[in-house]
Amino acid sequence: MQTPPTDDRALALVLGGTGGIGSALVQALRARGETVLAVGRRTEPAVDLAEPESIEHLAAHVAQRLADEGRALRTLIVASGLLHEGAVQPERGWQHLDAQALQRLFAVNAIGPALVMRHLLPLLPRQGRCVAAFLSARVGSIGDNRLGGWYGYRASKAALNQFVHTAAIELARRNKAALCVALHPGTVDTALAAPFAKTGLEVRPPALAAQELLRVIDTLPEGASGGFFDHHGTPVPW
């Protein structure tokens, strides 16, 4: 179990906080006494990573709340992601590559999170430890790709990883204690992974995945910013 936060004026923000992993993260954060703002496509404010205006609106909402309540944004987690949706399905080979599907995957998995970085990383405090964590996927690793396929999902998550690494460099100029990381949650029993969970594959409940991810976030060492880690805290190859 994670150590309870020591800053009772801290705010944790979870994008995708109504999804499978996201809602479990929200519950785990609240259970240890943190003040959490969970947002998704059907919350108020509503946030859709494919709609840039909603991200900008969220940033304004968070900035106002921080000012009104005298809080600091110490934890930012982006738990949203897209693997399949209607006609958007993981490609088995290059013959299945489709421009619209690729655009949709990049909009949700890479461009949206990049705009979250633009609008929300400036709201992190300039002093003291704070963490921005973006849920990625091991299949986004170029060095670990031995099976091929899943072009769009792989490439969009690889793009996310590059955005994270680049943003971490800039974030360090504002606050050397700030961390910006990509995290692989493993295979979790959610709607995203359900159609592709194979027999014998370790599929873990969202509550356990959330505990593991928060443990990693809590124990990231100095120098970890810009890194890509799995749910055990082990670095994942780029």
C-alpha atoms as a PDB file:
ATOM      1  CA  MET A   1       0.000   0.000   0.000  1.00  0.00           C
ATOM      2  CA  GLN A   2       1.270   3.485  -0.844  1.00  0.00           C
ATOM      3  CA  THR A   3       2.307   6.058   1.709  1.00  0.00           C
ATOM      4  CA  PRO A   4      -0.468   8.632   2.265  1.00  0.00           C
ATOM      5  CA  PRO A   5       0.314  12.081   0.896  1.00  0.00           C
ATOM      6  CA  THR A   6       1.786  14.622   3.295  1.00  0.00           C
ATOM      7  CA  ASP A   7       0.455  17.703   1.468  1.00  0.00           C
ATOM      8  CA  ASP A   8      -3.219  18.109   2.371  1.00  0.00           C
ATOM      9  CA  ARG A   9      -3.486  21.032  -0.057  1.00  0.00           C
ATOM     10  CA  ALA A  10      -2.475  18.903  -3.026  1.00  0.00           C
ATOM     11  CA  LEU A  11      -4.783  18.104  -5.926  1.00  0.00           C
ATOM     12  CA  ALA A  12      -4.561  14.966  -8.067  1.00  0.00           C
ATOM     13  CA  LEU A  13      -6.024  15.191 -11.566  1.00  0.00           C
ATOM     14  CA  VAL A  14      -6.911  12.007 -13.463  1.00  0.00           C
ATOM     15  CA  LEU A  15      -7.908  12.274 -17.130  1.00  0.00           C
ATOM     16  CA  GLY A  16      -9.814   9.201 -18.160  1.00  0.00           C
ATOM     17  CA  GLY A  17     -10.894   8.993 -14.547  1.00  0.00           C
ATOM     18  CA  THR A  18     -14.166   7.274 -15.442  1.00  0.00           C
ATOM     19  CA  GLY A  19     -12.572   4.419 -17.410  1.00  0.00           C
ATOM     20  CA  GLY A  20     -11.426   1.027 -16.190  1.00  0.00           C
ATOM     21  CA  ILE A  21      -7.928   1.859 -14.941  1.00  0.00           C
ATOM     22  CA  GLY A  22      -8.712   5.528 -14.420  1.00  0.00           C
ATOM     23  CA  SER A  23     -11.616   4.955 -12.045  1.00  0.00           C
ATOM     24  CA  ALA A  24      -9.533   2.458 -10.077  1.00  0.00           C
ATOM     25  CA  LEU A  25      -6.755   5.044  -9.775  1.00  0.00           C
ATOM     26  CA  VAL A  26      -9.268   7.624  -8.564  1.00  0.00           C
ATOM     27  CA  GLN A  27     -10.625   5.245  -5.931  1.00  0.00           C
ATOM     28  CA  ALA A  28      -7.127   4.340  -4.736  1.00  0.00           C
ATOM     29  CA  LEU A  29      -6.057   7.977  -4.499  1.00  0.00           C
ATOM     30  CA  ARG A  30      -9.186   8.945  -2.576  1.00  0.00           C
ATOM     31  CA  ALA A  31      -8.831   5.941  -0.265  1.00  0.00           C
ATOM     32  CA  ARG A  32      -5.518   7.272   0.945  1.00  0.00           C
ATOM     33  CA  GLY A  33      -6.903  10.746   1.572  1.00  0.00           C
ATOM     34  CA  GLU A  34      -6.050  12.655  -1.593  1.00  0.00           C
ATOM     35  CA  THR A  35      -8.294  15.261  -3.149  1.00  0.00           C
ATOM     36  CA  VAL A  36      -8.969  14.070  -6.692  1.00  0.00           C
ATOM     37  CA  LEU A  37     -10.518  15.632  -9.764  1.00  0.00           C
ATOM     38  CA  ALA A  38     -11.597  12.840 -12.131  1.00  0.00           C
ATOM     39  CA  VAL A  39     -12.522  13.902 -15.658  1.00  0.00           C
ATOM     40  CA  GLY A  40     -13.728  12.124 -18.776  1.00  0.00           C
ATOM     41  CA  ARG A  41     -16.005  12.620 -21.738  1.00  0.00           C
ATOM     42  CA  ARG A  42     -19.167  12.652 -19.595  1.00  0.00           C
ATOM     43  CA  THR A  43     -17.987  14.606 -16.568  1.00  0.00           C
ATOM     44  CA  GLU A  44     -18.170  18.303 -15.771  1.00  0.00           C
ATOM     45  CA  PRO A  45     -15.962  19.670 -17.101  1.00  0.00           C
ATOM     46  CA  ALA A  46     -16.007  17.162 -19.943  1.00  0.00           C
ATOM     47  CA  VAL A  47     -12.717  16.229 -21.589  1.00  0.00           C
ATOM     48  CA  ASP A  48     -12.177  14.408 -24.868  1.00  0.00           C
ATOM     49  CA  LEU A  49      -8.547  14.017 -25.915  1.00  0.00           C
ATOM     50  CA  ALA A  50      -9.614  14.297 -29.555  1.00  0.00           C
ATOM     51  CA  GLU A  51     -11.137  17.726 -28.887  1.00  0.00           C
ATOM     52  CA  PRO A  52      -8.407  20.314 -28.196  1.00  0.00           C
ATOM     53  CA  GLU A  53     -10.874  22.913 -26.926  1.00  0.00           C
ATOM     54  CA  SER A  54     -11.988  20.605 -24.119  1.00  0.00           C
ATOM     55  CA  ILE A  55      -8.381  20.255 -22.917  1.00  0.00           C
ATOM     56  CA  GLU A  56      -7.923  24.022 -22.899  1.00  0.00           C
ATOM     57  CA  HIS A  57     -11.212  24.413 -21.011  1.00  0.00           C
ATOM     58  CA  LEU A  58     -10.081  21.847 -18.437  1.00  0.00           C
ATOM     59  CA  ALA A  59      -6.820  23.716 -17.865  1.00  0.00           C
ATOM     60  CA  ALA A  60      -8.725  26.931 -17.193  1.00  0.00           C
ATOM     61  CA  HIS A  61     -11.043  25.084 -14.785  1.00  0.00           C
ATOM     62  CA  VAL A  62      -8.115  23.514 -12.907  1.00  0.00           C
ATOM     63  CA  ALA A  63      -6.196  26.798 -12.720  1.00  0.00           C
ATOM     64  CA  GLN A  64      -9.240  28.518 -11.215  1.00  0.00           C
ATOM     65  CA  ARG A  65      -9.783  25.734  -8.690  1.00  0.00           C
ATOM     66  CA  LEU A  66      -6.133  25.798  -7.630  1.00  0.00           C
ATOM     67  CA  ALA A  67      -6.376  29.545  -7.087  1.00  0.00           C
ATOM     68  CA  ASP A  68      -9.721  29.418  -5.284  1.00  0.00           C
ATOM     69  CA  GLU A  69      -8.748  26.578  -2.937  1.00  0.00           C
ATOM     70  CA  GLY A  70      -5.058  27.383  -2.476  1.00  0.00           C
ATOM     71  CA  ARG A  71      -4.064  23.972  -3.773  1.00  0.00           C
ATOM     72  CA  ALA A  72      -1.087  22.683  -5.766  1.00  0.00           C
ATOM     73  CA  LEU A  73      -1.386  20.224  -8.642  1.00  0.00           C
ATOM     74  CA  ARG A  74       1.007  17.547  -7.400  1.00  0.00           C
ATOM     75  CA  THR A  75      -0.260  14.569  -9.423  1.00  0.00           C
ATOM     76  CA  LEU A  76      -1.407  14.505 -13.039  1.00  0.00           C
ATOM     77  CA  ILE A  77      -2.340  11.143 -14.584  1.00  0.00           C
ATOM     78  CA  VAL A  78      -3.545  10.644 -18.142  1.00  0.00           C
ATOM     79  CA  ALA A  79      -5.225   7.237 -18.154  1.00  0.00           C
ATOM     80  CA  SER A  80      -7.144   7.589 -21.425  1.00  0.00           C
ATOM     81  CA  GLY A  81      -6.264   5.617 -24.531  1.00  0.00           C
ATOM     82  CA  LEU A  82      -7.696   4.015 -27.649  1.00  0.00           C
ATOM     83  CA  LEU A  83      -6.971   0.555 -29.055  1.00  0.00           C
ATOM     84  CA  HIS A  84     -10.215  -0.327 -30.799  1.00  0.00           C
ATOM     85  CA  GLU A  85     -13.417   1.515 -31.610  1.00  0.00           C
ATOM     86  CA  GLY A  86     -15.899   0.426 -34.277  1.00  0.00           C
ATOM     87  CA  ALA A  87     -13.971   0.208 -37.539  1.00  0.00           C
ATOM     88  CA  VAL A  88     -10.735   1.113 -35.741  1.00  0.00           C
ATOM     89  CA  GLN A  89      -9.130  -2.232 -34.956  1.00  0.00           C
ATOM     90  CA  PRO A  90      -5.521  -3.388 -34.465  1.00  0.00           C
ATOM     91  CA  GLU A  91      -4.017  -4.105 -37.876  1.00  0.00           C
ATOM     92  CA  ARG A  92      -2.781  -7.643 -38.505  1.00  0.00           C
ATOM     93  CA  GLY A  93      -0.659  -6.490 -41.445  1.00  0.00           C
ATOM     94  CA  TRP A  94       0.107  -3.494 -43.627  1.00  0.00           C
ATOM     95  CA  GLN A  95      -2.816  -4.310 -45.909  1.00  0.00           C
ATOM     96  CA  HIS A  96      -5.127  -3.177 -43.107  1.00  0.00           C
ATOM     97  CA  LEU A  97      -3.573   0.272 -42.689  1.00  0.00           C
ATOM     98  CA  ASP A  98      -6.241   2.962 -42.995  1.00  0.00           C
ATOM     99  CA  ALA A  99      -5.687   6.724 -42.932  1.00  0.00           C
ATOM    100  CA  GLN A 100      -8.778   7.587 -40.894  1.00  0.00           C
ATOM    101  CA  ALA A 101      -8.095   4.889 -38.313  1.00  0.00           C
ATOM    102  CA  LEU A 102      -4.493   6.064 -37.951  1.00  0.00           C
ATOM    103  CA  GLN A 103      -5.627   9.665 -37.524  1.00  0.00           C
ATOM    104  CA  ARG A 104      -8.078   8.630 -34.823  1.00  0.00           C
ATOM    105  CA  LEU A 105      -5.463   6.624 -32.912  1.00  0.00           C
ATOM    106  CA  PHE A 106      -2.922   9.414 -33.046  1.00  0.00           C
ATOM    107  CA  ALA A 107      -5.523  12.002 -32.024  1.00  0.00           C
ATOM    108  CA  VAL A 108      -6.385  10.123 -28.816  1.00  0.00           C
ATOM    109  CA  ASN A 109      -3.108   8.414 -27.930  1.00  0.00           C
ATOM    110  CA  ALA A 110      -0.543  11.050 -28.872  1.00  0.00           C
ATOM    111  CA  ILE A 111      -1.866  14.462 -29.943  1.00  0.00           C
ATOM    112  CA  GLY A 112      -4.381  14.756 -27.105  1.00  0.00           C
ATOM    113  CA  PRO A 113      -1.825  13.926 -24.406  1.00  0.00           C
ATOM    114  CA  ALA A 114       0.627  16.345 -26.039  1.00  0.00           C
ATOM    115  CA  LEU A 115      -1.955  19.119 -25.686  1.00  0.00           C
ATOM    116  CA  VAL A 116      -2.472  18.072 -22.074  1.00  0.00           C
ATOM    117  CA  MET A 117       1.253  18.713 -21.649  1.00  0.00           C
ATOM    118  CA  ARG A 118       0.911  22.131 -23.254  1.00  0.00           C
ATOM    119  CA  HIS A 119      -1.980  23.295 -21.099  1.00  0.00           C
ATOM    120  CA  LEU A 120      -1.553  21.422 -17.802  1.00  0.00           C
ATOM    121  CA  LEU A 121       2.174  20.958 -17.191  1.00  0.00           C
ATOM    122  CA  PRO A 122       2.502  24.737 -16.635  1.00  0.00           C
ATOM    123  CA  LEU A 123       0.062  24.331 -13.728  1.00  0.00           C
ATOM    124  CA  LEU A 124       2.421  22.017 -11.842  1.00  0.00           C
ATOM    125  CA  PRO A 125       4.235  23.762  -8.981  1.00  0.00           C
ATOM    126  CA  ARG A 126       7.660  25.283  -9.558  1.00  0.00           C
ATOM    127  CA  GLN A 127       9.042  23.769  -6.361  1.00  0.00           C
ATOM    128  CA  GLY A 128       8.791  20.362  -4.722  1.00  0.00           C
ATOM    129  CA  ARG A 129       8.055  16.923  -6.050  1.00  0.00           C
ATOM    130  CA  CYS A 130       5.190  16.525  -8.486  1.00  0.00           C
ATOM    131  CA  VAL A 131       4.459  13.833 -11.064  1.00  0.00           C
ATOM    132  CA  ALA A 132       2.849  13.821 -14.494  1.00  0.00           C
ATOM    133  CA  ALA A 133       2.259  10.213 -15.573  1.00  0.00           C
ATOM    134  CA  PHE A 134       0.947   9.175 -18.987  1.00  0.00           C
ATOM    135  CA  LEU A 135      -0.268   5.610 -19.483  1.00  0.00           C
ATOM    136  CA  SER A 136       1.516   4.142 -22.472  1.00  0.00           C
ATOM    137  CA  ALA A 137       1.905   0.502 -23.540  1.00  0.00           C
ATOM    138  CA  ARG A 138       4.773  -1.917 -23.920  1.00  0.00           C
ATOM    139  CA  VAL A 139       3.734  -2.490 -27.542  1.00  0.00           C
ATOM    140  CA  GLY A 140       4.715   1.150 -28.093  1.00  0.00           C
ATOM    141  CA  SER A 141       8.324   0.121 -27.492  1.00  0.00           C
ATOM    142  CA  ILE A 142      10.300   0.012 -30.751  1.00  0.00           C
ATOM    143  CA  GLY A 143      13.091  -2.031 -29.192  1.00  0.00           C
ATOM    144  CA  ASP A 144      10.665  -4.611 -27.789  1.00  0.00           C
ATOM    145  CA  ASN A 145       8.655  -5.088 -31.008  1.00  0.00           C
ATOM    146  CA  ARG A 146       9.186  -8.677 -32.145  1.00  0.00           C
ATOM    147  CA  LEU A 147       5.715  -9.609 -33.411  1.00  0.00           C
ATOM    148  CA  GLY A 148       4.777  -6.757 -35.739  1.00  0.00           C
ATOM    149  CA  GLY A 149       1.166  -5.806 -36.428  1.00  0.00           C
ATOM    150  CA  TRP A 150      -0.893  -3.286 -34.476  1.00  0.00           C
ATOM    151  CA  TYR A 151       0.719  -0.513 -36.492  1.00  0.00           C
ATOM    152  CA  GLY A 152      -1.428   2.405 -35.418  1.00  0.00           C
ATOM    153  CA  TYR A 153      -1.556   1.609 -31.707  1.00  0.00           C
ATOM    154  CA  ARG A 154       2.181   0.870 -31.569  1.00  0.00           C
ATOM    155  CA  ALA A 155       3.131   4.025 -33.448  1.00  0.00           C
ATOM    156  CA  SER A 156       0.772   6.318 -31.538  1.00  0.00           C
ATOM    157  CA  LYS A 157       2.081   5.073 -28.197  1.00  0.00           C
ATOM    158  CA  ALA A 158       5.679   5.414 -29.439  1.00  0.00           C
ATOM    159  CA  ALA A 159       4.821   9.012 -30.336  1.00  0.00           C
ATOM    160  CA  LEU A 160       3.399   9.515 -26.854  1.00  0.00           C
ATOM    161  CA  ASN A 161       6.643   8.230 -25.358  1.00  0.00           C
ATOM    162  CA  GLN A 162       8.621  10.779 -27.377  1.00  0.00           C
ATOM    163  CA  PHE A 163       6.309  13.583 -26.266  1.00  0.00           C
ATOM    164  CA  VAL A 164       6.796  12.513 -22.637  1.00  0.00           C
ATOM    165  CA  HIS A 165      10.571  12.367 -22.942  1.00  0.00           C
ATOM    166  CA  THR A 166      10.726  15.765 -24.627  1.00  0.00           C
ATOM    167  CA  ALA A 167       8.336  17.444 -22.193  1.00  0.00           C
ATOM    168  CA  ALA A 168      10.343  16.083 -19.261  1.00  0.00           C
ATOM    169  CA  ILE A 169      13.400  17.997 -20.456  1.00  0.00           C
ATOM    170  CA  GLU A 170      11.466  21.268 -20.566  1.00  0.00           C
ATOM    171  CA  LEU A 171       9.690  20.563 -17.271  1.00  0.00           C
ATOM    172  CA  ALA A 172      13.035  20.130 -15.520  1.00  0.00           C
ATOM    173  CA  ARG A 173      13.935  23.721 -16.407  1.00  0.00           C
ATOM    174  CA  ARG A 174      10.920  24.901 -14.361  1.00  0.00           C
ATOM    175  CA  ASN A 175      11.227  22.475 -11.454  1.00  0.00           C
ATOM    176  CA  LYS A 176      14.083  20.039 -11.056  1.00  0.00           C
ATOM    177  CA  ALA A 177      12.013  17.941  -8.653  1.00  0.00           C
ATOM    178  CA  ALA A 178       9.174  17.458 -11.156  1.00  0.00           C
ATOM    179  CA  LEU A 179       8.759  14.124 -12.917  1.00  0.00           C
ATOM    180  CA  CYS A 180       7.148  13.394 -16.278  1.00  0.00           C
ATOM    181  CA  VAL A 181       6.984   9.699 -17.173  1.00  0.00           C
ATOM    182  CA  ALA A 182       5.318   7.121 -19.388  1.00  0.00           C
ATOM    183  CA  LEU A 183       3.935   4.045 -17.625  1.00  0.00           C
ATOM    184  CA  HIS A 184       2.967   0.610 -18.957  1.00  0.00           C
ATOM    185  CA  PRO A 185       0.126  -0.735 -16.773  1.00  0.00           C
ATOM    186  CA  GLY A 186       0.322  -4.317 -18.047  1.00  0.00           C
ATOM    187  CA  THR A 187      -2.713  -6.197 -19.316  1.00  0.00           C
ATOM    188  CA  VAL A 188      -5.685  -5.107 -17.242  1.00  0.00           C
ATOM    189  CA  ASP A 189      -9.225  -6.475 -17.201  1.00  0.00           C
ATOM    190  CA  THR A 190     -10.863  -3.519 -18.966  1.00  0.00           C
ATOM    191  CA  ALA A 191     -12.928  -2.956 -22.082  1.00  0.00           C
ATOM    192  CA  LEU A 192      -9.779  -1.868 -23.918  1.00  0.00           C
ATOM    193  CA  ALA A 193      -7.973  -5.184 -23.453  1.00  0.00           C
ATOM    194  CA  ALA A 194     -10.925  -7.608 -23.223  1.00  0.00           C
ATOM    195  CA  PRO A 195     -11.149  -8.593 -26.936  1.00  0.00           C
ATOM    196  CA  PHE A 196      -7.436  -9.363 -27.079  1.00  0.00           C
ATOM    197  CA  ALA A 197      -6.705 -11.037 -23.752  1.00  0.00           C
ATOM    198  CA  LYS A 198      -5.299 -14.464 -24.582  1.00  0.00           C
ATOM    199  CA  THR A 199      -5.596 -17.610 -22.506  1.00  0.00           C
ATOM    200  CA  GLY A 200      -2.611 -17.821 -20.189  1.00  0.00           C
ATOM    201  CA  LEU A 201      -1.894 -14.101 -20.385  1.00  0.00           C
ATOM    202  CA  GLU A 202      -1.641 -12.407 -17.002  1.00  0.00           C
ATOM    203  CA  VAL A 203      -4.724 -10.212 -16.844  1.00  0.00           C
ATOM    204  CA  ARG A 204      -4.992  -8.246 -13.622  1.00  0.00           C
ATOM    205  CA  PRO A 205      -7.996  -6.494 -12.057  1.00  0.00           C
ATOM    206  CA  PRO A 206      -8.041  -2.680 -12.328  1.00  0.00           C
ATOM    207  CA  ALA A 207      -7.753  -2.228  -8.551  1.00  0.00           C
ATOM    208  CA  LEU A 208      -4.482  -4.158  -8.459  1.00  0.00           C
ATOM    209  CA  ALA A 209      -3.163  -2.343 -11.521  1.00  0.00           C
ATOM    210  CA  ALA A 210      -3.961   0.992  -9.877  1.00  0.00           C
ATOM    211  CA  GLN A 211      -2.105   0.052  -6.697  1.00  0.00           C
ATOM    212  CA  GLU A 212       0.924  -1.033  -8.718  1.00  0.00           C
ATOM    213  CA  LEU A 213       0.957   2.167 -10.790  1.00  0.00           C
ATOM    214  CA  LEU A 214       0.659   4.393  -7.741  1.00  0.00           C
ATOM    215  CA  ARG A 215       3.465   2.486  -6.064  1.00  0.00           C
ATOM    216  CA  VAL A 216       5.654   3.209  -9.084  1.00  0.00           C
ATOM    217  CA  ILE A 217       4.634   6.877  -9.110  1.00  0.00           C
ATOM    218  CA  ASP A 218       5.336   7.203  -5.385  1.00  0.00           C
ATOM    219  CA  THR A 219       8.781   5.602  -5.583  1.00  0.00           C
ATOM    220  CA  LEU A 220      10.194   7.058  -8.803  1.00  0.00           C
ATOM    221  CA  PRO A 221      13.766   8.077  -7.989  1.00  0.00           C
ATOM    222  CA  GLU A 222      15.597  11.247  -8.927  1.00  0.00           C
ATOM    223  CA  GLY A 223      16.617  11.067 -12.560  1.00  0.00           C
ATOM    224  CA  ALA A 224      13.530   9.058 -13.543  1.00  0.00           C
ATOM    225  CA  SER A 225      11.853  11.945 -15.336  1.00  0.00           C
ATOM    226  CA  GLY A 226      11.465  11.306 -19.047  1.00  0.00           C
ATOM    227  CA  GLY A 227      11.572   7.549 -18.562  1.00  0.00           C
ATOM    228  CA  PHE A 228       9.296   4.698 -19.615  1.00  0.00           C
ATOM    229  CA  PHE A 229       8.501   2.186 -16.863  1.00  0.00           C
ATOM    230  CA  ASP A 230       6.278  -0.853 -16.433  1.00  0.00           C
ATOM    231  CA  HIS A 231       3.939  -1.478 -13.496  1.00  0.00           C
ATOM    232  CA  HIS A 232       6.811  -2.942 -11.484  1.00  0.00           C
ATOM    233  CA  GLY A 233       8.948   0.157 -11.967  1.00  0.00           C
ATOM    234  CA  THR A 234      11.259  -1.605 -14.404  1.00  0.00           C
ATOM    235  CA  PRO A 235      12.444   0.528 -17.344  1.00  0.00           C
ATOM    236  CA  VAL A 236      10.937  -0.449 -20.723  1.00  0.00           C
ATOM    237  CA  PRO A 237      13.127  -0.159 -23.850  1.00  0.00           C
ATOM    238  CA  TRP A 238      12.321   2.709 -26.182  1.00  0.00           C
END
